[in-house]
């Protein structure tokens, strides 16, 4: 069965469901790596770009992976692997559940289902609130436009409205 659209899981009500020891068959998150690029760049980075969400919501694990891949691919091809450091700040803890029902024409006569059924696990999501940083990128001042463009491409993969913040680290502390 194909995945449902992100709008089905973006907004939430109620507490997160994170107890994986009580629910079996939770698929692992699709995120391969949370940190990539040149880790030594943290000591002498000149700018830091942040992708911050504006609204509260849930970001599915496949959307986080898509954003990570988009940002990493653009940065590695435009500035080179040694000129940036990328970190995904959120982890998908919340288990998403779905009560699967038939959804084709005439299914209303065949299946009505239980109301508010518990459902089976289909994936995980990260719950974020206004002001949470989803992705961080460190780089040099000469590459600040590439950092902005990479974060803009990553923001297109996230189902929530977001803002890109660029900080100048030459005046402040490095981390």
C-alpha atoms as a PDB file:
ATOM      1  CA  UNK A   1       0.000   0.000   0.000  1.00  0.00           C
ATOM      2  CA  UNK A   2       1.488   3.414  -0.921  1.00  0.00           C
ATOM      3  CA  UNK A   3       2.325   6.055   1.640  1.00  0.00           C
ATOM      4  CA  UNK A   4      -0.320   8.554   2.576  1.00  0.00           C
ATOM      5  CA  UNK A   5       0.393  12.253   1.959  1.00  0.00           C
ATOM      6  CA  UNK A   6       2.322  14.243   4.564  1.00  0.00           C
ATOM      7  CA  UNK A   7      -0.785  16.311   5.382  1.00  0.00           C
ATOM      8  CA  UNK A   8      -2.221  13.243   7.116  1.00  0.00           C
ATOM      9  CA  UNK A   9       0.547  13.275   9.726  1.00  0.00           C
ATOM     10  CA  UNK A  10       1.871  16.852   9.859  1.00  0.00           C
ATOM     11  CA  UNK A  11      -0.422  18.214  12.574  1.00  0.00           C
ATOM     12  CA  UNK A  12      -0.834  16.445  15.886  1.00  0.00           C
ATOM     13  CA  UNK A  13      -3.011  16.393  18.950  1.00  0.00           C
ATOM     14  CA  UNK A  14      -2.259  14.483  22.091  1.00  0.00           C
ATOM     15  CA  UNK A  15       0.978  13.193  23.542  1.00  0.00           C
ATOM     16  CA  UNK A  16       3.662  11.542  21.410  1.00  0.00           C
ATOM     17  CA  UNK A  17       3.790   7.763  21.287  1.00  0.00           C
ATOM     18  CA  UNK A  18       7.443   6.813  21.774  1.00  0.00           C
ATOM     19  CA  UNK A  19       7.389   3.533  23.716  1.00  0.00           C
ATOM     20  CA  UNK A  20       8.767   1.178  21.095  1.00  0.00           C
ATOM     21  CA  UNK A  21       9.100  -1.671  23.582  1.00  0.00           C
ATOM     22  CA  UNK A  22       5.301  -1.971  23.712  1.00  0.00           C
ATOM     23  CA  UNK A  23       4.646  -1.935  19.984  1.00  0.00           C
ATOM     24  CA  UNK A  24       6.264  -4.447  17.675  1.00  0.00           C
ATOM     25  CA  UNK A  25       7.161  -3.958  14.055  1.00  0.00           C
ATOM     26  CA  UNK A  26       8.133  -0.291  14.153  1.00  0.00           C
ATOM     27  CA  UNK A  27      10.131   0.384  10.973  1.00  0.00           C
ATOM     28  CA  UNK A  28      13.560   1.939  11.565  1.00  0.00           C
ATOM     29  CA  UNK A  29      14.060   5.577  10.537  1.00  0.00           C
ATOM     30  CA  UNK A  30      15.276   6.094   6.974  1.00  0.00           C
ATOM     31  CA  UNK A  31      17.864   8.657   8.042  1.00  0.00           C
ATOM     32  CA  UNK A  32      21.279   7.184   7.259  1.00  0.00           C
ATOM     33  CA  UNK A  33      23.580   9.777   8.852  1.00  0.00           C
ATOM     34  CA  UNK A  34      22.909  12.738  11.103  1.00  0.00           C
ATOM     35  CA  UNK A  35      26.317  14.410  10.640  1.00  0.00           C
ATOM     36  CA  UNK A  36      28.314  14.718   7.436  1.00  0.00           C
ATOM     37  CA  UNK A  37      30.947  16.849   5.812  1.00  0.00           C
ATOM     38  CA  UNK A  38      34.203  18.022   7.377  1.00  0.00           C
ATOM     39  CA  UNK A  39      33.913  17.725  11.174  1.00  0.00           C
ATOM     40  CA  UNK A  40      37.162  19.674  11.657  1.00  0.00           C
ATOM     41  CA  UNK A  41      35.479  22.729  10.118  1.00  0.00           C
ATOM     42  CA  UNK A  42      33.612  23.388  13.375  1.00  0.00           C
ATOM     43  CA  UNK A  43      36.736  24.949  14.876  1.00  0.00           C
ATOM     44  CA  UNK A  44      37.260  27.579  12.162  1.00  0.00           C
ATOM     45  CA  UNK A  45      33.843  28.008  10.500  1.00  0.00           C
ATOM     46  CA  UNK A  46      32.914  31.579   9.639  1.00  0.00           C
ATOM     47  CA  UNK A  47      29.147  31.256   9.068  1.00  0.00           C
ATOM     48  CA  UNK A  48      26.428  28.990  10.370  1.00  0.00           C
ATOM     49  CA  UNK A  49      23.129  28.431   8.568  1.00  0.00           C
ATOM     50  CA  UNK A  50      20.079  27.102  10.408  1.00  0.00           C
ATOM     51  CA  UNK A  51      16.755  25.818   9.114  1.00  0.00           C
ATOM     52  CA  UNK A  52      14.185  26.755  11.763  1.00  0.00           C
ATOM     53  CA  UNK A  53      10.514  25.741  11.714  1.00  0.00           C
ATOM     54  CA  UNK A  54       7.860  28.391  12.341  1.00  0.00           C
ATOM     55  CA  UNK A  55       4.879  26.178  13.222  1.00  0.00           C
ATOM     56  CA  UNK A  56       4.454  23.137  15.449  1.00  0.00           C
ATOM     57  CA  UNK A  57       4.062  19.833  13.660  1.00  0.00           C
ATOM     58  CA  UNK A  58       5.539  16.462  12.804  1.00  0.00           C
ATOM     59  CA  UNK A  59       8.212  15.756  10.218  1.00  0.00           C
ATOM     60  CA  UNK A  60       8.254  12.168   8.974  1.00  0.00           C
ATOM     61  CA  UNK A  61      11.531  10.284   8.812  1.00  0.00           C
ATOM     62  CA  UNK A  62      11.455  10.077   5.024  1.00  0.00           C
ATOM     63  CA  UNK A  63      11.032  13.869   4.768  1.00  0.00           C
ATOM     64  CA  UNK A  64      14.030  14.379   7.060  1.00  0.00           C
ATOM     65  CA  UNK A  65      16.091  12.017   4.905  1.00  0.00           C
ATOM     66  CA  UNK A  66      14.980  13.791   1.718  1.00  0.00           C
ATOM     67  CA  UNK A  67      15.963  17.173   3.185  1.00  0.00           C
ATOM     68  CA  UNK A  68      19.328  15.819   4.323  1.00  0.00           C
ATOM     69  CA  UNK A  69      20.072  14.334   0.908  1.00  0.00           C
ATOM     70  CA  UNK A  70      19.066  17.538  -0.907  1.00  0.00           C
ATOM     71  CA  UNK A  71      21.223  19.768   1.311  1.00  0.00           C
ATOM     72  CA  UNK A  72      24.202  17.408   1.265  1.00  0.00           C
ATOM     73  CA  UNK A  73      24.110  16.852  -2.503  1.00  0.00           C
ATOM     74  CA  UNK A  74      23.946  20.551  -3.302  1.00  0.00           C
ATOM     75  CA  UNK A  75      26.733  21.466  -0.880  1.00  0.00           C
ATOM     76  CA  UNK A  76      29.059  18.660  -1.942  1.00  0.00           C
ATOM     77  CA  UNK A  77      28.708  19.577  -5.617  1.00  0.00           C
ATOM     78  CA  UNK A  78      28.893  23.362  -5.180  1.00  0.00           C
ATOM     79  CA  UNK A  79      31.445  23.964  -2.390  1.00  0.00           C
ATOM     80  CA  UNK A  80      33.165  20.579  -2.009  1.00  0.00           C
ATOM     81  CA  UNK A  81      33.066  17.975   0.765  1.00  0.00           C
ATOM     82  CA  UNK A  82      35.801  19.640   2.839  1.00  0.00           C
ATOM     83  CA  UNK A  83      34.197  23.112   2.963  1.00  0.00           C
ATOM     84  CA  UNK A  84      31.042  22.458   4.992  1.00  0.00           C
ATOM     85  CA  UNK A  85      29.705  20.520   7.957  1.00  0.00           C
ATOM     86  CA  UNK A  86      26.049  19.449   8.107  1.00  0.00           C
ATOM     87  CA  UNK A  87      24.057  18.228  11.100  1.00  0.00           C
ATOM     88  CA  UNK A  88      20.427  17.060  11.357  1.00  0.00           C
ATOM     89  CA  UNK A  89      19.297  18.184  14.818  1.00  0.00           C
ATOM     90  CA  UNK A  90      16.001  16.331  15.277  1.00  0.00           C
ATOM     91  CA  UNK A  91      15.410  12.600  15.699  1.00  0.00           C
ATOM     92  CA  UNK A  92      12.147  10.855  14.747  1.00  0.00           C
ATOM     93  CA  UNK A  93      10.990   9.336  18.063  1.00  0.00           C
ATOM     94  CA  UNK A  94       7.210   9.436  17.618  1.00  0.00           C
ATOM     95  CA  UNK A  95       5.690   6.232  16.185  1.00  0.00           C
ATOM     96  CA  UNK A  96       3.093   6.877  13.478  1.00  0.00           C
ATOM     97  CA  UNK A  97       0.164   4.465  13.335  1.00  0.00           C
ATOM     98  CA  UNK A  98      -2.458   3.879  10.688  1.00  0.00           C
ATOM     99  CA  UNK A  99      -5.727   1.969  10.783  1.00  0.00           C
ATOM    100  CA  UNK A 100      -5.645   0.650   7.236  1.00  0.00           C
ATOM    101  CA  UNK A 101      -8.998   0.508   5.528  1.00  0.00           C
ATOM    102  CA  UNK A 102     -10.096  -0.072   1.982  1.00  0.00           C
ATOM    103  CA  UNK A 103     -10.128   3.223   0.139  1.00  0.00           C
ATOM    104  CA  UNK A 104     -11.393   2.440  -3.353  1.00  0.00           C
ATOM    105  CA  UNK A 105     -14.790   3.103  -4.913  1.00  0.00           C
ATOM    106  CA  UNK A 106     -17.556   1.247  -3.136  1.00  0.00           C
ATOM    107  CA  UNK A 107     -15.496   0.584  -0.022  1.00  0.00           C
ATOM    108  CA  UNK A 108     -18.082   2.297   2.154  1.00  0.00           C
ATOM    109  CA  UNK A 109     -20.408  -0.672   1.677  1.00  0.00           C
ATOM    110  CA  UNK A 110     -17.667  -3.220   2.339  1.00  0.00           C
ATOM    111  CA  UNK A 111     -15.895  -1.812   5.352  1.00  0.00           C
ATOM    112  CA  UNK A 112     -16.708   0.718   8.005  1.00  0.00           C
ATOM    113  CA  UNK A 113     -14.138  -0.264  10.644  1.00  0.00           C
ATOM    114  CA  UNK A 114     -13.855   0.630  14.288  1.00  0.00           C
ATOM    115  CA  UNK A 115     -13.899   4.242  15.332  1.00  0.00           C
ATOM    116  CA  UNK A 116     -10.599   5.538  16.789  1.00  0.00           C
ATOM    117  CA  UNK A 117      -8.798   2.203  16.278  1.00  0.00           C
ATOM    118  CA  UNK A 118      -5.196   1.936  17.503  1.00  0.00           C
ATOM    119  CA  UNK A 119      -3.632   1.051  14.134  1.00  0.00           C
ATOM    120  CA  UNK A 120      -0.378  -0.553  13.060  1.00  0.00           C
ATOM    121  CA  UNK A 121       2.976   1.233  13.019  1.00  0.00           C
ATOM    122  CA  UNK A 122       3.916   2.621   9.606  1.00  0.00           C
ATOM    123  CA  UNK A 123       6.848   4.898  10.419  1.00  0.00           C
ATOM    124  CA  UNK A 124       8.324   7.451  12.760  1.00  0.00           C
ATOM    125  CA  UNK A 125       8.228  11.237  12.965  1.00  0.00           C
ATOM    126  CA  UNK A 126      10.006  14.049  14.775  1.00  0.00           C
ATOM    127  CA  UNK A 127       7.806  16.465  16.704  1.00  0.00           C
ATOM    128  CA  UNK A 128       8.978  20.046  16.346  1.00  0.00           C
ATOM    129  CA  UNK A 129       7.719  23.297  17.802  1.00  0.00           C
ATOM    130  CA  UNK A 130       8.179  26.929  16.705  1.00  0.00           C
ATOM    131  CA  UNK A 131      11.831  27.894  16.946  1.00  0.00           C
ATOM    132  CA  UNK A 132      13.267  24.361  16.706  1.00  0.00           C
ATOM    133  CA  UNK A 133      16.325  24.015  14.494  1.00  0.00           C
ATOM    134  CA  UNK A 134      15.993  21.083  12.084  1.00  0.00           C
ATOM    135  CA  UNK A 135      19.247  21.318  10.083  1.00  0.00           C
ATOM    136  CA  UNK A 136      22.502  23.211  10.743  1.00  0.00           C
ATOM    137  CA  UNK A 137      25.270  23.932   8.225  1.00  0.00           C
ATOM    138  CA  UNK A 138      28.682  25.412   9.023  1.00  0.00           C
ATOM    139  CA  UNK A 139      30.835  26.916   6.284  1.00  0.00           C
ATOM    140  CA  UNK A 140      33.023  29.783   5.095  1.00  0.00           C
ATOM    141  CA  UNK A 141      31.922  33.348   4.294  1.00  0.00           C
ATOM    142  CA  UNK A 142      32.721  32.893   0.615  1.00  0.00           C
ATOM    143  CA  UNK A 143      30.135  30.077   0.433  1.00  0.00           C
ATOM    144  CA  UNK A 144      27.277  31.814   2.286  1.00  0.00           C
ATOM    145  CA  UNK A 145      25.065  31.986  -0.827  1.00  0.00           C
ATOM    146  CA  UNK A 146      25.527  28.259  -1.407  1.00  0.00           C
ATOM    147  CA  UNK A 147      24.607  27.550   2.236  1.00  0.00           C
ATOM    148  CA  UNK A 148      21.416  29.598   1.822  1.00  0.00           C
ATOM    149  CA  UNK A 149      20.494  27.810  -1.397  1.00  0.00           C
ATOM    150  CA  UNK A 150      21.166  24.388   0.132  1.00  0.00           C
ATOM    151  CA  UNK A 151      18.949  25.142   3.136  1.00  0.00           C
ATOM    152  CA  UNK A 152      16.260  26.526   0.813  1.00  0.00           C
ATOM    153  CA  UNK A 153      16.282  23.240  -1.102  1.00  0.00           C
ATOM    154  CA  UNK A 154      16.092  21.313   2.164  1.00  0.00           C
ATOM    155  CA  UNK A 155      13.187  23.460   3.372  1.00  0.00           C
ATOM    156  CA  UNK A 156      11.174  22.397   0.315  1.00  0.00           C
ATOM    157  CA  UNK A 157      11.254  18.791   1.583  1.00  0.00           C
ATOM    158  CA  UNK A 158       9.901  19.676   5.047  1.00  0.00           C
ATOM    159  CA  UNK A 159       6.077  19.821   5.343  1.00  0.00           C
ATOM    160  CA  UNK A 160       6.130  22.827   7.700  1.00  0.00           C
ATOM    161  CA  UNK A 161       6.826  26.501   7.023  1.00  0.00           C
ATOM    162  CA  UNK A 162      10.409  27.308   7.891  1.00  0.00           C
ATOM    163  CA  UNK A 163      12.930  30.132   8.008  1.00  0.00           C
ATOM    164  CA  UNK A 164      16.625  30.210   7.136  1.00  0.00           C
ATOM    165  CA  UNK A 165      18.908  31.967   9.623  1.00  0.00           C
ATOM    166  CA  UNK A 166      22.518  32.848   8.806  1.00  0.00           C
ATOM    167  CA  UNK A 167      24.815  33.624  11.739  1.00  0.00           C
ATOM    168  CA  UNK A 168      28.245  35.229  11.468  1.00  0.00           C
ATOM    169  CA  UNK A 169      30.623  33.225  13.675  1.00  0.00           C
ATOM    170  CA  UNK A 170      33.692  35.392  13.183  1.00  0.00           C
ATOM    171  CA  UNK A 171      32.518  37.639  16.061  1.00  0.00           C
ATOM    172  CA  UNK A 172      31.008  34.995  18.359  1.00  0.00           C
ATOM    173  CA  UNK A 173      32.031  31.629  19.682  1.00  0.00           C
ATOM    174  CA  UNK A 174      32.479  28.936  17.058  1.00  0.00           C
ATOM    175  CA  UNK A 175      29.900  26.388  18.217  1.00  0.00           C
END
